[in-house]
């Protein structure tokens, strides 16, 4: 959220641009980018109300990973296994973060999650770390 304000006021951000941060944090846009580039991803949709989330759940099937759209860490993420859990979690999230779009992904049981950290000077790319998460896929502890 701070990067958006800094960018709007013309403050140069060293490292990842606000536009790139925004693309990664807007999970709906990020999933669309994956689709456009033929990169496999779990089936997903977005919802802004509990009723919309319940309708989406009928298409995705349980278990479902629910999270606020603008979050990369673990804040507000939860794996739900039925309609009751889904409704309770969505209502709780929307009370804590009003007017936020929620992302619902079909949760891939048994999957692993790994990430690579890299830096680039515009020409050379250096991979500085590769790690496999120890928590369930999609749930982040803050690494």
Protein backbone atom coordinates (compact mmCIF):
# COMPACT_ATOMS: atom_id res chain seq x y z
CA UNK A 1 0.00 0.00 0.00
CA UNK A 2 2.91 2.36 0.71
CA UNK A 3 4.46 1.72 -2.73
CA UNK A 4 1.30 3.02 -4.42
CA UNK A 5 1.46 6.33 -2.57
CA UNK A 6 5.20 6.73 -3.15
CA UNK A 7 4.78 6.04 -6.86
CA UNK A 8 1.85 8.46 -7.14
CA UNK A 9 3.98 11.25 -5.64
CA UNK A 10 6.89 10.52 -7.96
CA UNK A 11 9.19 8.96 -5.37
CA UNK A 12 11.62 6.59 -7.10
CA UNK A 13 11.37 3.08 -5.74
CA UNK A 14 14.57 1.05 -5.86
CA UNK A 15 13.85 -2.53 -6.79
CA UNK A 16 10.46 -3.81 -7.88
CA UNK A 17 8.23 -1.11 -9.37
CA UNK A 18 4.78 -0.35 -7.97
CA UNK A 19 3.23 -1.64 -11.21
CA UNK A 20 4.96 -5.01 -10.79
CA UNK A 21 4.05 -5.19 -7.09
CA UNK A 22 0.46 -4.37 -7.97
CA UNK A 23 0.36 -7.12 -10.61
CA UNK A 24 1.65 -9.70 -8.13
CA UNK A 25 -0.59 -8.61 -5.25
CA UNK A 26 -3.78 -8.36 -7.32
CA UNK A 27 -4.23 -12.11 -7.38
CA UNK A 28 -7.00 -11.97 -9.99
CA UNK A 29 -4.76 -10.05 -12.41
CA UNK A 30 -1.82 -12.32 -11.62
CA UNK A 31 -3.87 -15.45 -12.34
CA UNK A 32 -5.04 -13.88 -15.60
CA UNK A 33 -1.39 -13.24 -16.53
CA UNK A 34 -0.61 -16.91 -15.87
CA UNK A 35 -3.51 -17.94 -18.10
CA UNK A 36 -2.38 -15.63 -20.94
CA UNK A 37 1.10 -17.20 -20.79
CA UNK A 38 -0.14 -20.80 -20.64
CA UNK A 39 1.28 -21.33 -17.15
CA UNK A 40 -0.75 -23.90 -15.18
CA UNK A 41 -2.57 -22.62 -12.10
CA UNK A 42 -5.44 -23.75 -9.89
CA UNK A 43 -8.95 -22.85 -11.00
CA UNK A 44 -9.95 -19.56 -9.34
CA UNK A 45 -12.51 -16.79 -9.20
CA UNK A 46 -13.18 -13.69 -7.15
CA UNK A 47 -16.00 -12.64 -4.84
CA UNK A 48 -16.98 -9.50 -2.98
CA UNK A 49 -19.77 -10.96 -0.82
CA UNK A 50 -20.48 -14.21 1.02
CA UNK A 51 -23.24 -15.04 -1.49
CA UNK A 52 -20.82 -14.58 -4.41
CA UNK A 53 -18.25 -16.78 -2.63
CA UNK A 54 -20.82 -19.55 -2.14
CA UNK A 55 -21.70 -19.41 -5.86
CA UNK A 56 -18.01 -19.57 -6.80
CA UNK A 57 -17.53 -22.56 -4.48
CA UNK A 58 -20.05 -24.54 -6.50
CA UNK A 59 -17.78 -24.14 -9.55
CA UNK A 60 -14.43 -24.68 -7.79
CA UNK A 61 -15.33 -27.49 -5.41
CA UNK A 62 -13.78 -27.88 -1.97
CA UNK A 63 -11.21 -27.53 -0.48
CA UNK A 64 -10.82 -23.84 -1.36
CA UNK A 65 -8.08 -21.38 -0.44
CA UNK A 66 -9.63 -18.00 0.40
CA UNK A 67 -7.58 -14.80 0.66
CA UNK A 68 -7.89 -11.06 0.24
CA UNK A 69 -6.83 -9.98 -3.24
CA UNK A 70 -4.05 -7.66 -2.16
CA UNK A 71 -1.93 -9.92 0.01
CA UNK A 72 1.20 -11.91 -0.69
CA UNK A 73 1.82 -13.05 2.88
CA UNK A 74 -0.43 -15.09 5.11
CA UNK A 75 -2.75 -12.37 6.40
CA UNK A 76 -6.32 -13.56 6.07
CA UNK A 77 -5.59 -16.74 4.10
CA UNK A 78 -7.46 -19.88 5.03
CA UNK A 79 -8.22 -23.27 3.54
CA UNK A 80 -11.93 -24.03 3.90
CA UNK A 81 -13.52 -27.42 3.38
CA UNK A 82 -17.26 -26.70 3.36
CA UNK A 83 -19.87 -23.96 2.82
CA UNK A 84 -20.20 -23.15 6.52
CA UNK A 85 -16.44 -22.51 6.92
CA UNK A 86 -16.40 -20.54 3.68
CA UNK A 87 -19.26 -18.26 4.70
CA UNK A 88 -17.81 -17.64 8.19
CA UNK A 89 -14.33 -16.84 6.85
CA UNK A 90 -15.60 -14.56 4.06
CA UNK A 91 -17.80 -12.59 6.49
CA UNK A 92 -14.86 -12.31 8.93
CA UNK A 93 -12.49 -11.10 6.19
CA UNK A 94 -14.95 -8.55 4.83
CA UNK A 95 -15.56 -7.19 8.34
CA UNK A 96 -11.79 -6.78 8.86
CA UNK A 97 -11.01 -5.50 5.34
CA UNK A 98 -14.21 -3.88 3.96
CA UNK A 99 -14.63 -3.48 0.19
CA UNK A 100 -11.83 -5.93 -0.58
CA UNK A 101 -12.15 -8.37 -3.44
CA UNK A 102 -11.50 -11.93 -2.27
CA UNK A 103 -9.72 -14.55 -4.31
CA UNK A 104 -10.89 -18.14 -4.14
CA UNK A 105 -8.61 -20.86 -5.52
CA UNK A 106 -9.31 -24.55 -5.75
CA UNK A 107 -6.82 -25.89 -3.20
CA UNK A 108 -4.44 -28.48 -4.65
CA UNK A 109 -4.06 -31.07 -1.90
CA UNK A 110 -0.64 -32.65 -1.69
CA UNK A 111 1.03 -29.92 -3.77
CA UNK A 112 4.30 -28.34 -2.76
CA UNK A 113 5.10 -24.66 -2.95
CA UNK A 114 8.55 -23.35 -3.73
CA UNK A 115 9.92 -19.97 -4.67
CA UNK A 116 13.06 -18.51 -6.13
CA UNK A 117 14.40 -15.09 -5.19
CA UNK A 118 16.38 -13.32 -7.88
CA UNK A 119 17.83 -9.92 -8.68
CA UNK A 120 18.42 -8.46 -12.11
CA UNK A 121 20.39 -5.43 -13.31
CA UNK A 122 18.49 -5.33 -16.59
CA UNK A 123 20.81 -7.80 -18.28
CA UNK A 124 22.07 -10.41 -15.82
CA UNK A 125 19.77 -12.41 -13.55
CA UNK A 126 21.16 -13.80 -10.31
CA UNK A 127 19.18 -16.41 -8.40
CA UNK A 128 20.00 -15.77 -4.76
CA UNK A 129 17.78 -18.32 -3.09
CA UNK A 130 15.43 -21.20 -3.74
CA UNK A 131 13.22 -22.53 -0.97
CA UNK A 132 10.41 -24.99 -0.46
CA UNK A 133 7.72 -23.90 1.97
CA UNK A 134 7.14 -26.10 5.00
CA UNK A 135 3.61 -24.90 5.68
CA UNK A 136 0.63 -26.05 3.57
CA UNK A 137 0.67 -24.77 0.01
CA UNK A 138 -0.87 -21.28 -0.25
CA UNK A 139 -0.58 -20.55 3.47
CA UNK A 140 2.39 -18.35 4.34
CA UNK A 141 3.89 -18.02 7.78
CA UNK A 142 5.87 -14.91 6.89
CA UNK A 143 8.84 -16.98 5.75
